[in-house]
Amino acid sequence: MAGGEAWRPPRSCEDYWAEWKQCRGLRHAFHHYYAHGELPSCGQWRADYSACRAWESGAGAAAQEALCKSERSRVLEKQKYAPVWELRKSPPPDWYLPLDQDKPK
């Protein structure tokens, strides 16, 4: 790299640690179980934290590749789902009219 800068992990290692701690929390576990019917698997966050620490200590290319692969799969997983709301191209034609809140139903 130019200027002698070293490659850095995609996120700080503390971010992976915080995600792992949050994933293991009771509130998150309850919400995930309610939404998905199973407890969350938090092992990947822990593995990413370990790979990040290995990357920072200069342990080798294996840690870098594992962390980058995990981040790529995380991005692809987010892109798999369509957005809930369809974005508008322009405002509705009657956007300036008052709402019909006072009218009886």
PDB file of N, CA and C in Angstrom:
ATOM      1  N   MET A   1       0.837  -1.188   0.000  1.00  0.00           N
ATOM      2  CA  MET A   1       0.000   0.000   0.000  1.00  0.00           C
ATOM      3  C   MET A   1       0.873   1.240   0.000  1.00  0.00           C
ATOM      4  N   ALA A   2       0.304   2.337  -0.422  1.00  0.00           N
ATOM      5  CA  ALA A   2       1.040   3.594  -0.472  1.00  0.00           C
ATOM      6  C   ALA A   2       1.201   4.157   0.927  1.00  0.00           C
ATOM      7  N   GLY A   3       2.359   4.695   1.200  1.00  0.00           N
ATOM      8  CA  GLY A   3       2.566   5.358   2.479  1.00  0.00           C
ATOM      9  C   GLY A   3       2.817   4.407   3.626  1.00  0.00           C
ATOM     10  N   GLY A   4       2.974   3.109   3.361  1.00  0.00           N
ATOM     11  CA  GLY A   4       3.255   2.148   4.410  1.00  0.00           C
ATOM     12  C   GLY A   4       2.054   1.814   5.276  1.00  0.00           C
ATOM     13  N   GLU A   5       0.848   2.131   4.840  1.00  0.00           N
ATOM     14  CA  GLU A   5      -0.351   1.813   5.615  1.00  0.00           C
ATOM     15  C   GLU A   5      -0.636   0.320   5.516  1.00  0.00           C
ATOM     16  N   ALA A   6      -1.074  -0.260   6.589  1.00  0.00           N
ATOM     17  CA  ALA A   6      -1.427  -1.680   6.592  1.00  0.00           C
ATOM     18  C   ALA A   6      -2.912  -1.841   6.324  1.00  0.00           C
ATOM     19  N   TRP A   7      -3.266  -2.992   5.785  1.00  0.00           N
ATOM     20  CA  TRP A   7      -4.681  -3.305   5.592  1.00  0.00           C
ATOM     21  C   TRP A   7      -5.334  -3.393   6.956  1.00  0.00           C
ATOM     22  N   ARG A   8      -6.551  -2.900   7.039  1.00  0.00           N
ATOM     23  CA  ARG A   8      -7.283  -2.924   8.300  1.00  0.00           C
ATOM     24  C   ARG A   8      -8.538  -3.774   8.132  1.00  0.00           C
ATOM     25  N   PRO A   9      -9.032  -4.360   9.219  1.00  0.00           N
ATOM     26  CA  PRO A   9     -10.293  -5.114   9.157  1.00  0.00           C
ATOM     27  C   PRO A   9     -11.443  -4.210   8.722  1.00  0.00           C
ATOM     28  N   PRO A  10     -12.511  -4.794   8.163  1.00  0.00           N
ATOM     29  CA  PRO A  10     -13.654  -3.995   7.706  1.00  0.00           C
ATOM     30  C   PRO A  10     -14.307  -3.179   8.823  1.00  0.00           C
ATOM     31  N   ARG A  11     -14.320  -3.709  10.021  1.00  0.00           N
ATOM     32  CA  ARG A  11     -14.843  -3.007  11.198  1.00  0.00           C
ATOM     33  C   ARG A  11     -13.800  -3.099  12.298  1.00  0.00           C
ATOM     34  N   SER A  12     -13.998  -2.346  13.346  1.00  0.00           N
ATOM     35  CA  SER A  12     -13.090  -2.499  14.480  1.00  0.00           C
ATOM     36  C   SER A  12     -13.444  -3.799  15.208  1.00  0.00           C
ATOM     37  N   CYS A  13     -12.473  -4.375  15.857  1.00  0.00           N
ATOM     38  CA  CYS A  13     -12.706  -5.646  16.555  1.00  0.00           C
ATOM     39  C   CYS A  13     -13.718  -5.488  17.684  1.00  0.00           C
ATOM     40  N   GLU A  14     -13.774  -4.303  18.268  1.00  0.00           N
ATOM     41  CA  GLU A  14     -14.744  -4.056  19.338  1.00  0.00           C
ATOM     42  C   GLU A  14     -16.181  -4.142  18.813  1.00  0.00           C
ATOM     43  N   ASP A  15     -16.384  -3.827  17.530  1.00  0.00           N
ATOM     44  CA  ASP A  15     -17.723  -3.947  16.942  1.00  0.00           C
ATOM     45  C   ASP A  15     -18.176  -5.404  16.916  1.00  0.00           C
ATOM     46  N   TYR A  16     -17.272  -6.300  16.554  1.00  0.00           N
ATOM     47  CA  TYR A  16     -17.616  -7.730  16.537  1.00  0.00           C
ATOM     48  C   TYR A  16     -17.899  -8.235  17.947  1.00  0.00           C
ATOM     49  N   TRP A  17     -17.105  -7.769  18.905  1.00  0.00           N
ATOM     50  CA  TRP A  17     -17.323  -8.166  20.298  1.00  0.00           C
ATOM     51  C   TRP A  17     -18.682  -7.654  20.789  1.00  0.00           C
ATOM     52  N   ALA A  18     -19.011  -6.406  20.473  1.00  0.00           N
ATOM     53  CA  ALA A  18     -20.296  -5.835  20.900  1.00  0.00           C
ATOM     54  C   ALA A  18     -21.462  -6.575  20.242  1.00  0.00           C
ATOM     55  N   GLU A  19     -21.325  -6.934  18.975  1.00  0.00           N
ATOM     56  CA  GLU A  19     -22.389  -7.694  18.295  1.00  0.00           C
ATOM     57  C   GLU A  19     -22.569  -9.060  18.955  1.00  0.00           C
ATOM     58  N   TRP A  20     -21.464  -9.690  19.324  1.00  0.00           N
ATOM     59  CA  TRP A  20     -21.545 -10.989  19.967  1.00  0.00           C
ATOM     60  C   TRP A  20     -22.226 -10.882  21.325  1.00  0.00           C
ATOM     61  N   LYS A  21     -21.842  -9.863  22.107  1.00  0.00           N
ATOM     62  CA  LYS A  21     -22.467  -9.675  23.414  1.00  0.00           C
ATOM     63  C   LYS A  21     -23.960  -9.370  23.279  1.00  0.00           C
ATOM     64  N   GLN A  22     -24.309  -8.541  22.305  1.00  0.00           N
ATOM     65  CA  GLN A  22     -25.715  -8.191  22.090  1.00  0.00           C
ATOM     66  C   GLN A  22     -26.508  -9.413  21.632  1.00  0.00           C
ATOM     67  N   CYS A  23     -25.904 -10.227  20.787  1.00  0.00           N
ATOM     68  CA  CYS A  23     -26.576 -11.425  20.281  1.00  0.00           C
ATOM     69  C   CYS A  23     -26.868 -12.410  21.408  1.00  0.00           C
ATOM     70  N   ARG A  24     -25.985 -12.480  22.386  1.00  0.00           N
ATOM     71  CA  ARG A  24     -26.164 -13.409  23.492  1.00  0.00           C
ATOM     72  C   ARG A  24     -27.094 -12.893  24.565  1.00  0.00           C
ATOM     73  N   GLY A  25     -27.508 -11.645  24.468  1.00  0.00           N
ATOM     74  CA  GLY A  25     -28.359 -11.050  25.488  1.00  0.00           C
ATOM     75  C   GLY A  25     -29.756 -11.661  25.514  1.00  0.00           C
ATOM     76  N   LEU A  26     -30.378 -11.603  26.674  1.00  0.00           N
ATOM     77  CA  LEU A  26     -31.698 -12.187  26.871  1.00  0.00           C
ATOM     78  C   LEU A  26     -32.750 -11.505  25.998  1.00  0.00           C
ATOM     79  N   ARG A  27     -32.685 -10.201  25.911  1.00  0.00           N
ATOM     80  CA  ARG A  27     -33.671  -9.461  25.119  1.00  0.00           C
ATOM     81  C   ARG A  27     -33.613  -9.849  23.643  1.00  0.00           C
ATOM     82  N   HIS A  28     -32.404  -9.914  23.105  1.00  0.00           N
ATOM     83  CA  HIS A  28     -32.241 -10.292  21.701  1.00  0.00           C
ATOM     84  C   HIS A  28     -32.666 -11.743  21.480  1.00  0.00           C
ATOM     85  N   ALA A  29     -32.295 -12.625  22.399  1.00  0.00           N
ATOM     86  CA  ALA A  29     -32.673 -14.036  22.266  1.00  0.00           C
ATOM     87  C   ALA A  29     -34.195 -14.186  22.270  1.00  0.00           C
ATOM     88  N   PHE A  30     -34.875 -13.476  23.160  1.00  0.00           N
ATOM     89  CA  PHE A  30     -36.331 -13.551  23.223  1.00  0.00           C
ATOM     90  C   PHE A  30     -36.955 -13.039  21.927  1.00  0.00           C
ATOM     91  N   HIS A  31     -36.477 -11.880  21.450  1.00  0.00           N
ATOM     92  CA  HIS A  31     -37.021 -11.316  20.215  1.00  0.00           C
ATOM     93  C   HIS A  31     -36.771 -12.251  19.030  1.00  0.00           C
ATOM     94  N   HIS A  32     -35.567 -12.784  18.929  1.00  0.00           N
ATOM     95  CA  HIS A  32     -35.234 -13.675  17.808  1.00  0.00           C
ATOM     96  C   HIS A  32     -36.079 -14.947  17.872  1.00  0.00           C
ATOM     97  N   TYR A  33     -36.275 -15.487  19.058  1.00  0.00           N
ATOM     98  CA  TYR A  33     -37.107 -16.682  19.208  1.00  0.00           C
ATOM     99  C   TYR A  33     -38.553 -16.378  18.839  1.00  0.00           C
ATOM    100  N   TYR A  34     -39.047 -15.223  19.227  1.00  0.00           N
ATOM    101  CA  TYR A  34     -40.413 -14.822  18.899  1.00  0.00           C
ATOM    102  C   TYR A  34     -40.574 -14.640  17.395  1.00  0.00           C
ATOM    103  N   ALA A  35     -39.603 -14.023  16.748  1.00  0.00           N
ATOM    104  CA  ALA A  35     -39.711 -13.720  15.319  1.00  0.00           C
ATOM    105  C   ALA A  35     -39.409 -14.921  14.438  1.00  0.00           C
ATOM    106  N   HIS A  36     -38.451 -15.764  14.834  1.00  0.00           N
ATOM    107  CA  HIS A  36     -37.987 -16.832  13.954  1.00  0.00           C
ATOM    108  C   HIS A  36     -38.257 -18.234  14.475  1.00  0.00           C
ATOM    109  N   GLY A  37     -38.682 -18.363  15.726  1.00  0.00           N
ATOM    110  CA  GLY A  37     -38.995 -19.679  16.263  1.00  0.00           C
ATOM    111  C   GLY A  37     -37.778 -20.475  16.692  1.00  0.00           C
ATOM    112  N   GLU A  38     -36.635 -19.862  16.758  1.00  0.00           N
ATOM    113  CA  GLU A  38     -35.423 -20.542  17.199  1.00  0.00           C
ATOM    114  C   GLU A  38     -34.495 -19.524  17.854  1.00  0.00           C
ATOM    115  N   LEU A  39     -33.609 -20.019  18.670  1.00  0.00           N
ATOM    116  CA  LEU A  39     -32.642 -19.128  19.314  1.00  0.00           C
ATOM    117  C   LEU A  39     -31.589 -18.691  18.294  1.00  0.00           C
ATOM    118  N   PRO A  40     -31.043 -17.492  18.456  1.00  0.00           N
ATOM    119  CA  PRO A  40     -30.036 -17.021  17.490  1.00  0.00           C
ATOM    120  C   PRO A  40     -28.724 -17.775  17.649  1.00  0.00           C
ATOM    121  N   SER A  41     -28.030 -17.948  16.539  1.00  0.00           N
ATOM    122  CA  SER A  41     -26.691 -18.534  16.607  1.00  0.00           C
ATOM    123  C   SER A  41     -25.688 -17.381  16.575  1.00  0.00           C
ATOM    124  N   CYS A  42     -24.926 -17.266  17.627  1.00  0.00           N
ATOM    125  CA  CYS A  42     -24.015 -16.139  17.790  1.00  0.00           C
ATOM    126  C   CYS A  42     -22.568 -16.527  17.541  1.00  0.00           C
ATOM    127  N   GLY A  43     -22.329 -17.750  17.156  1.00  0.00           N
ATOM    128  CA  GLY A  43     -20.964 -18.236  16.976  1.00  0.00           C
ATOM    129  C   GLY A  43     -20.189 -17.500  15.909  1.00  0.00           C
ATOM    130  N   GLN A  44     -20.867 -17.040  14.866  1.00  0.00           N
ATOM    131  CA  GLN A  44     -20.150 -16.362  13.790  1.00  0.00           C
ATOM    132  C   GLN A  44     -19.572 -15.033  14.260  1.00  0.00           C
ATOM    133  N   TRP A  45     -20.294 -14.325  15.137  1.00  0.00           N
ATOM    134  CA  TRP A  45     -19.771 -13.069  15.666  1.00  0.00           C
ATOM    135  C   TRP A  45     -18.505 -13.321  16.481  1.00  0.00           C
ATOM    136  N   ARG A  46     -18.505 -14.394  17.265  1.00  0.00           N
ATOM    137  CA  ARG A  46     -17.327 -14.741  18.074  1.00  0.00           C
ATOM    138  C   ARG A  46     -16.158 -15.131  17.169  1.00  0.00           C
ATOM    139  N   ALA A  47     -16.439 -15.909  16.125  1.00  0.00           N
ATOM    140  CA  ALA A  47     -15.389 -16.301  15.182  1.00  0.00           C
ATOM    141  C   ALA A  47     -14.842 -15.074  14.449  1.00  0.00           C
ATOM    142  N   ASP A  48     -15.724 -14.142  14.104  1.00  0.00           N
ATOM    143  CA  ASP A  48     -15.285 -12.916  13.437  1.00  0.00           C
ATOM    144  C   ASP A  48     -14.411 -12.076  14.360  1.00  0.00           C
ATOM    145  N   TYR A  49     -14.759 -12.037  15.639  1.00  0.00           N
ATOM    146  CA  TYR A  49     -13.940 -11.301  16.596  1.00  0.00           C
ATOM    147  C   TYR A  49     -12.545 -11.921  16.692  1.00  0.00           C
ATOM    148  N   SER A  50     -12.489 -13.237  16.766  1.00  0.00           N
ATOM    149  CA  SER A  50     -11.198 -13.917  16.845  1.00  0.00           C
ATOM    150  C   SER A  50     -10.375 -13.682  15.587  1.00  0.00           C
ATOM    151  N   ALA A  51     -11.030 -13.739  14.417  1.00  0.00           N
ATOM    152  CA  ALA A  51     -10.328 -13.498  13.156  1.00  0.00           C
ATOM    153  C   ALA A  51      -9.838 -12.055  13.073  1.00  0.00           C
ATOM    154  N   CYS A  52     -10.629 -11.127  13.582  1.00  0.00           N
ATOM    155  CA  CYS A  52     -10.229  -9.721  13.574  1.00  0.00           C
ATOM    156  C   CYS A  52      -8.997  -9.505  14.444  1.00  0.00           C
ATOM    157  N   ARG A  53      -8.991 -10.098  15.625  1.00  0.00           N
ATOM    158  CA  ARG A  53      -7.826  -9.970  16.506  1.00  0.00           C
ATOM    159  C   ARG A  53      -6.592 -10.604  15.860  1.00  0.00           C
ATOM    160  N   ALA A  54      -6.781 -11.750  15.200  1.00  0.00           N
ATOM    161  CA  ALA A  54      -5.664 -12.397  14.513  1.00  0.00           C
ATOM    162  C   ALA A  54      -5.163 -11.525  13.370  1.00  0.00           C
ATOM    163  N   TRP A  55      -6.092 -10.876  12.651  1.00  0.00           N
ATOM    164  CA  TRP A  55      -5.717  -9.984  11.548  1.00  0.00           C
ATOM    165  C   TRP A  55      -4.870  -8.831  12.083  1.00  0.00           C
ATOM    166  N   GLU A  56      -5.315  -8.227  13.185  1.00  0.00           N
ATOM    167  CA  GLU A  56      -4.585  -7.091  13.745  1.00  0.00           C
ATOM    168  C   GLU A  56      -3.209  -7.477  14.279  1.00  0.00           C
ATOM    169  N   SER A  57      -3.088  -8.704  14.770  1.00  0.00           N
ATOM    170  CA  SER A  57      -1.789  -9.131  15.292  1.00  0.00           C
ATOM    171  C   SER A  57      -0.868  -9.637  14.190  1.00  0.00           C
ATOM    172  N   GLY A  58      -1.361  -9.683  12.959  1.00  0.00           N
ATOM    173  CA  GLY A  58      -0.534 -10.098  11.828  1.00  0.00           C
ATOM    174  C   GLY A  58      -0.372 -11.600  11.724  1.00  0.00           C
ATOM    175  N   ALA A  59      -1.396 -12.357  12.118  1.00  0.00           N
ATOM    176  CA  ALA A  59      -1.306 -13.816  12.136  1.00  0.00           C
ATOM    177  C   ALA A  59      -1.283 -14.425  10.741  1.00  0.00           C
ATOM    178  N   GLY A  60      -1.803 -13.731   9.746  1.00  0.00           N
ATOM    179  CA  GLY A  60      -1.721 -14.285   8.409  1.00  0.00           C
ATOM    180  C   GLY A  60      -2.940 -14.020   7.566  1.00  0.00           C
ATOM    181  N   ALA A  61      -2.859 -14.539   6.352  1.00  0.00           N
ATOM    182  CA  ALA A  61      -3.900 -14.303   5.366  1.00  0.00           C
ATOM    183  C   ALA A  61      -5.157 -15.116   5.643  1.00  0.00           C
ATOM    184  N   ALA A  62      -5.047 -16.193   6.384  1.00  0.00           N
ATOM    185  CA  ALA A  62      -6.225 -17.030   6.656  1.00  0.00           C
ATOM    186  C   ALA A  62      -7.270 -16.252   7.453  1.00  0.00           C
ATOM    187  N   ALA A  63      -6.827 -15.504   8.454  1.00  0.00           N
ATOM    188  CA  ALA A  63      -7.756 -14.707   9.256  1.00  0.00           C
ATOM    189  C   ALA A  63      -8.384 -13.611   8.411  1.00  0.00           C
ATOM    190  N   GLN A  64      -7.592 -12.978   7.553  1.00  0.00           N
ATOM    191  CA  GLN A  64      -8.120 -11.930   6.678  1.00  0.00           C
ATOM    192  C   GLN A  64      -9.179 -12.487   5.752  1.00  0.00           C
ATOM    193  N   GLU A  65      -8.885 -13.626   5.143  1.00  0.00           N
ATOM    194  CA  GLU A  65      -9.828 -14.229   4.197  1.00  0.00           C
ATOM    195  C   GLU A  65     -11.111 -14.665   4.903  1.00  0.00           C
ATOM    196  N   ALA A  66     -10.989 -15.249   6.097  1.00  0.00           N
ATOM    197  CA  ALA A  66     -12.174 -15.689   6.840  1.00  0.00           C
ATOM    198  C   ALA A  66     -13.062 -14.506   7.196  1.00  0.00           C
ATOM    199  N   LEU A  67     -12.452 -13.417   7.638  1.00  0.00           N
ATOM    200  CA  LEU A  67     -13.235 -12.245   8.034  1.00  0.00           C
ATOM    201  C   LEU A  67     -13.895 -11.593   6.818  1.00  0.00           C
ATOM    202  N   CYS A  68     -13.164 -11.470   5.731  1.00  0.00           N
ATOM    203  CA  CYS A  68     -13.738 -10.873   4.518  1.00  0.00           C
ATOM    204  C   CYS A  68     -14.858 -11.739   3.953  1.00  0.00           C
ATOM    205  N   LYS A  69     -14.692 -13.047   4.003  1.00  0.00           N
ATOM    206  CA  LYS A  69     -15.741 -13.960   3.526  1.00  0.00           C
ATOM    207  C   LYS A  69     -17.000 -13.830   4.371  1.00  0.00           C
ATOM    208  N   SER A  70     -16.819 -13.709   5.683  1.00  0.00           N
ATOM    209  CA  SER A  70     -17.957 -13.545   6.581  1.00  0.00           C
ATOM    210  C   SER A  70     -18.687 -12.230   6.307  1.00  0.00           C
ATOM    211  N   GLU A  71     -17.929 -11.157   6.107  1.00  0.00           N
ATOM    212  CA  GLU A  71     -18.552  -9.860   5.811  1.00  0.00           C
ATOM    213  C   GLU A  71     -19.293  -9.900   4.470  1.00  0.00           C
ATOM    214  N   ARG A  72     -18.708 -10.543   3.466  1.00  0.00           N
ATOM    215  CA  ARG A  72     -19.385 -10.657   2.167  1.00  0.00           C
ATOM    216  C   ARG A  72     -20.694 -11.427   2.299  1.00  0.00           C
ATOM    217  N   SER A  73     -20.674 -12.535   3.038  1.00  0.00           N
ATOM    218  CA  SER A  73     -21.910 -13.319   3.205  1.00  0.00           C
ATOM    219  C   SER A  73     -22.958 -12.528   3.981  1.00  0.00           C
ATOM    220  N   ARG A  74     -22.518 -11.709   4.937  1.00  0.00           N
ATOM    221  CA  ARG A  74     -23.451 -10.876   5.699  1.00  0.00           C
ATOM    222  C   ARG A  74     -24.112  -9.836   4.791  1.00  0.00           C
ATOM    223  N   VAL A  75     -23.336  -9.240   3.890  1.00  0.00           N
ATOM    224  CA  VAL A  75     -23.882  -8.252   2.956  1.00  0.00           C
ATOM    225  C   VAL A  75     -24.848  -8.914   1.982  1.00  0.00           C
ATOM    226  N   LEU A  76     -24.483 -10.088   1.472  1.00  0.00           N
ATOM    227  CA  LEU A  76     -25.371 -10.803   0.542  1.00  0.00           C
ATOM    228  C   LEU A  76     -26.668 -11.220   1.220  1.00  0.00           C
ATOM    229  N   GLU A  77     -26.598 -11.581   2.481  1.00  0.00           N
ATOM    230  CA  GLU A  77     -27.804 -11.959   3.226  1.00  0.00           C
ATOM    231  C   GLU A  77     -28.746 -10.772   3.367  1.00  0.00           C
ATOM    232  N   LYS A  78     -28.202  -9.585   3.598  1.00  0.00           N
ATOM    233  CA  LYS A  78     -29.045  -8.389   3.701  1.00  0.00           C
ATOM    234  C   LYS A  78     -29.688  -8.036   2.374  1.00  0.00           C
ATOM    235  N   GLN A  79     -28.973  -8.263   1.274  1.00  0.00           N
ATOM    236  CA  GLN A  79     -29.486  -7.905  -0.045  1.00  0.00           C
ATOM    237  C   GLN A  79     -30.520  -8.897  -0.557  1.00  0.00           C
ATOM    238  N   LYS A  80     -30.643 -10.027   0.114  1.00  0.00           N
ATOM    239  CA  LYS A  80     -31.549 -11.075  -0.345  1.00  0.00           C
ATOM    240  C   LYS A  80     -33.019 -10.684  -0.196  1.00  0.00           C
ATOM    241  N   TYR A  81     -33.316  -9.836   0.748  1.00  0.00           N
ATOM    242  CA  TYR A  81     -34.690  -9.465   1.039  1.00  0.00           C
ATOM    243  C   TYR A  81     -35.052  -8.132   0.390  1.00  0.00           C
ATOM    244  N   ALA A  82     -36.235  -8.080  -0.185  1.00  0.00           N
ATOM    245  CA  ALA A  82     -36.719  -6.838  -0.799  1.00  0.00           C
ATOM    246  C   ALA A  82     -37.141  -5.863   0.305  1.00  0.00           C
ATOM    247  N   PRO A  83     -37.060  -4.569   0.039  1.00  0.00           N
ATOM    248  CA  PRO A  83     -37.511  -3.610   1.051  1.00  0.00           C
ATOM    249  C   PRO A  83     -39.014  -3.744   1.297  1.00  0.00           C
ATOM    250  N   VAL A  84     -39.436  -3.415   2.498  1.00  0.00           N
ATOM    251  CA  VAL A  84     -40.843  -3.542   2.863  1.00  0.00           C
ATOM    252  C   VAL A  84     -41.690  -2.507   2.130  1.00  0.00           C
ATOM    253  N   TRP A  85     -41.189  -1.298   2.032  1.00  0.00           N
ATOM    254  CA  TRP A  85     -41.935  -0.217   1.396  1.00  0.00           C
ATOM    255  C   TRP A  85     -41.366   0.057   0.019  1.00  0.00           C
ATOM    256  N   GLU A  86     -42.244   0.290  -0.920  1.00  0.00           N
ATOM    257  CA  GLU A  86     -41.812   0.661  -2.259  1.00  0.00           C
ATOM    258  C   GLU A  86     -41.573   2.173  -2.289  1.00  0.00           C
ATOM    259  N   LEU A  87     -40.410   2.579  -2.734  1.00  0.00           N
ATOM    260  CA  LEU A  87     -40.071   4.000  -2.751  1.00  0.00           C
ATOM    261  C   LEU A  87     -40.808   4.713  -3.875  1.00  0.00           C
ATOM    262  N   ARG A  88     -41.248   5.940  -3.589  1.00  0.00           N
ATOM    263  CA  ARG A  88     -41.943   6.736  -4.600  1.00  0.00           C
ATOM    264  C   ARG A  88     -40.951   7.416  -5.523  1.00  0.00           C
ATOM    265  N   LYS A  89     -41.391   7.628  -6.736  1.00  0.00           N
ATOM    266  CA  LYS A  89     -40.600   8.404  -7.694  1.00  0.00           C
ATOM    267  C   LYS A  89     -40.958   9.888  -7.600  1.00  0.00           C
ATOM    268  N   SER A  90     -42.191  10.173  -7.198  1.00  0.00           N
ATOM    269  CA  SER A  90     -42.656  11.551  -7.035  1.00  0.00           C
ATOM    270  C   SER A  90     -43.765  11.563  -5.986  1.00  0.00           C
ATOM    271  N   PRO A  91     -44.104  12.740  -5.454  1.00  0.00           N
ATOM    272  CA  PRO A  91     -45.168  12.801  -4.444  1.00  0.00           C
ATOM    273  C   PRO A  91     -46.538  12.535  -5.081  1.00  0.00           C
ATOM    274  N   PRO A  92     -47.528  12.166  -4.275  1.00  0.00           N
ATOM    275  CA  PRO A  92     -48.869  11.968  -4.817  1.00  0.00           C
ATOM    276  C   PRO A  92     -49.406  13.271  -5.415  1.00  0.00           C
ATOM    277  N   PRO A  93     -50.300  13.184  -6.393  1.00  0.00           N
ATOM    278  CA  PRO A  93     -50.784  14.401  -7.040  1.00  0.00           C
ATOM    279  C   PRO A  93     -51.561  15.335  -6.096  1.00  0.00           C
ATOM    280  N   ASP A  94     -52.180  14.808  -5.053  1.00  0.00           N
ATOM    281  CA  ASP A  94     -52.970  15.641  -4.146  1.00  0.00           C
ATOM    282  C   ASP A  94     -52.270  15.837  -2.799  1.00  0.00           C
ATOM    283  N   TRP A  95     -50.970  15.903  -2.793  1.00  0.00           N
ATOM    284  CA  TRP A  95     -50.217  15.981  -1.554  1.00  0.00           C
ATOM    285  C   TRP A  95     -50.483  17.261  -0.767  1.00  0.00           C
ATOM    286  N   TYR A  96     -50.900  18.314  -1.420  1.00  0.00           N
ATOM    287  CA  TYR A  96     -51.090  19.609  -0.762  1.00  0.00           C
ATOM    288  C   TYR A  96     -52.484  19.763  -0.163  1.00  0.00           C
ATOM    289  N   LEU A  97     -53.417  18.874  -0.453  1.00  0.00           N
ATOM    290  CA  LEU A  97     -54.779  18.978   0.080  1.00  0.00           C
ATOM    291  C   LEU A  97     -54.797  18.588   1.558  1.00  0.00           C
ATOM    292  N   PRO A  98     -55.716  19.166   2.335  1.00  0.00           N
ATOM    293  CA  PRO A  98     -55.796  18.790   3.756  1.00  0.00           C
ATOM    294  C   PRO A  98     -56.296  17.350   3.903  1.00  0.00           C
ATOM    295  N   LEU A  99     -55.922  16.732   5.000  1.00  0.00           N
ATOM    296  CA  LEU A  99     -56.369  15.367   5.257  1.00  0.00           C
ATOM    297  C   LEU A  99     -57.849  15.366   5.632  1.00  0.00           C
ATOM    298  N   ASP A 100     -58.505  14.253   5.381  1.00  0.00           N
ATOM    299  CA  ASP A 100     -59.930  14.126   5.678  1.00  0.00           C
ATOM    300  C   ASP A 100     -60.145  13.582   7.085  1.00  0.00           C
ATOM    301  N   GLN A 101     -59.579  14.236   8.053  1.00  0.00           N
ATOM    302  CA  GLN A 101     -59.695  13.753   9.429  1.00  0.00           C
ATOM    303  C   GLN A 101     -61.016  14.152  10.075  1.00  0.00           C
ATOM    304  N   ASP A 102     -61.634  15.255   9.635  1.00  0.00           N
ATOM    305  CA  ASP A 102     -62.845  15.758  10.263  1.00  0.00           C
ATOM    306  C   ASP A 102     -64.113  15.132   9.702  1.00  0.00           C
ATOM    307  N   LYS A 103     -64.000  14.432   8.608  1.00  0.00           N
ATOM    308  CA  LYS A 103     -65.173  13.837   7.985  1.00  0.00           C
ATOM    309  C   LYS A 103     -65.594  12.577   8.730  1.00  0.00           C
ATOM    310  N   PRO A 104     -66.922  12.369   8.894  1.00  0.00           N
ATOM    311  CA  PRO A 104     -67.375  11.113   9.529  1.00  0.00           C
ATOM    312  C   PRO A 104     -67.126   9.938   8.579  1.00  0.00           C
ATOM    313  N   LYS A 105     -66.928   8.786   9.182  1.00  0.00           N
ATOM    314  CA  LYS A 105     -66.647   7.601   8.362  1.00  0.00           C
ATOM    315  C   LYS A 105     -67.884   6.892   7.936  1.00  0.00           C
TER     316      LYS A 105
END
